[in-house]
Protein backbone atom coordinates (compact mmCIF):
# COMPACT_ATOMS: atom_id res chain seq x y z
CA MET A 1 -5.51 -10.44 7.70
CA LYS A 2 -6.05 -10.74 4.36
CA HIS A 3 -8.64 -8.31 4.18
CA ILE A 4 -6.47 -5.23 5.45
CA ILE A 5 -4.32 -5.44 2.37
CA LYS A 6 -6.61 -4.25 -0.70
CA ALA A 7 -4.01 -4.00 -3.37
CA PRO A 8 -0.31 -2.77 -4.12
CA LEU A 9 0.34 0.20 -5.84
CA ILE A 10 2.48 -0.33 -8.56
CA THR A 11 3.49 2.78 -10.17
CA GLU A 12 6.78 4.46 -11.54
CA LYS A 13 6.98 6.85 -8.35
CA ASN A 14 6.57 4.01 -6.13
CA THR A 15 9.38 1.88 -8.08
CA TYR A 16 11.70 4.34 -6.92
CA HIS A 17 10.72 3.49 -3.53
CA ASN A 18 11.23 -0.21 -4.10
CA ALA A 19 14.85 0.17 -4.60
CA ALA A 20 14.89 1.62 -0.86
CA GLY A 21 12.77 -1.31 0.63
CA VAL A 22 9.66 0.74 0.93
CA TYR A 23 6.73 -0.81 -0.71
CA VAL A 24 3.36 1.12 -0.95
CA PHE A 25 -0.05 -0.73 -0.27
CA GLU A 26 -3.64 0.31 -0.59
CA VAL A 27 -5.21 -0.61 2.63
CA GLU A 28 -8.20 -0.93 4.69
CA MET A 29 -9.42 2.65 6.06
CA LYS A 30 -9.94 1.49 9.63
CA SER A 31 -6.75 -0.50 9.93
CA THR A 32 -3.94 0.29 12.05
CA LYS A 33 -0.01 0.61 11.39
CA MET A 34 0.44 -2.60 13.74
CA ASP A 35 -2.45 -4.15 11.73
CA ILE A 36 -0.82 -3.42 8.46
CA LYS A 37 2.49 -4.44 9.74
CA THR A 38 1.46 -8.22 10.89
CA ALA A 39 -0.78 -8.48 7.61
CA VAL A 40 2.29 -7.94 5.61
CA GLU A 41 4.54 -10.08 7.67
CA LYS A 42 2.23 -12.88 7.53
CA ASN A 43 1.00 -12.62 3.49
CA PHE A 44 4.70 -11.60 2.30
CA LYS A 45 6.61 -13.73 4.87
CA VAL A 46 8.74 -10.71 5.38
CA LYS A 47 10.28 -8.40 8.18
CA VAL A 48 8.81 -5.01 8.69
CA ASP A 49 11.00 -2.43 9.80
CA SER A 50 8.39 0.56 9.92
CA VAL A 51 5.20 1.26 8.50
CA ARG A 52 3.79 4.83 7.65
CA THR A 53 -0.06 5.73 6.61
CA SER A 54 -1.38 8.71 4.31
CA LEU A 55 -5.08 9.38 3.95
CA CYS A 56 -6.00 10.28 0.42
CA ARG A 57 -8.94 12.31 -0.12
CA GLY A 58 -11.86 11.69 -2.46
CA ARG A 59 -12.97 13.72 -5.47
CA SER A 60 -15.36 14.55 -7.89
CA LYS A 61 -14.74 13.42 -11.43
CA ASN A 62 -16.62 14.55 -14.51
CA THR A 63 -17.32 11.70 -17.49
CA LYS A 64 -19.17 11.85 -20.57
CA PHE A 65 -21.81 9.86 -18.20
CA GLY A 66 -22.02 12.70 -15.81
CA ALA A 67 -20.10 13.89 -12.12
CA THR A 68 -19.12 10.91 -10.22
CA LYS A 69 -17.20 10.66 -7.01
CA VAL A 70 -14.32 8.92 -5.91
CA ALA A 71 -14.09 7.62 -2.43
CA HIS A 72 -11.29 8.23 0.14
CA TRP A 73 -8.67 5.51 0.38
CA LYS A 74 -5.80 5.12 2.48
CA LYS A 75 -2.30 3.81 1.54
CA ALA A 76 0.43 2.57 3.31
CA TYR A 77 4.32 2.99 2.76
CA VAL A 78 5.96 -0.24 4.50
CA LYS A 79 9.63 -0.36 4.68
CA LEU A 80 11.22 -3.93 5.16
CA GLN A 81 14.49 -4.61 7.22
CA SER A 82 17.36 -4.82 5.05
CA GLY A 83 17.64 -7.42 2.98
CA GLU A 84 14.22 -8.15 2.73
CA LYS A 85 12.21 -8.06 -0.67
CA ILE A 86 8.63 -8.78 -1.83
CA ALA A 87 8.69 -10.77 -5.29
CA LEU A 88 5.49 -9.24 -6.33
CA PHE A 89 7.14 -5.84 -7.06
CA GLU A 90 10.43 -7.44 -8.44
CA GLY A 91 8.38 -8.78 -11.30
CA VAL A 92 9.26 -12.53 -10.07
């Protein structure tokens, strides 16, 4: 279950979602919504209300060392039940 969630996505835009109880994670490409729900519930000890996923396309990136490619990745918007919070995002 720990390999499904790769990293939390903490950006300025995502902090606005946190106020509404929605947290954003980078997840494994092959994971399903049910896999993500159980992984978040087990890892953070919270109750999940809903999960939305989004596929982010890779792109080409030019650096001074030449052209590189950013791989495709998947992110999940996890909405928690009312009153639930994840301490990782709250800065505790």
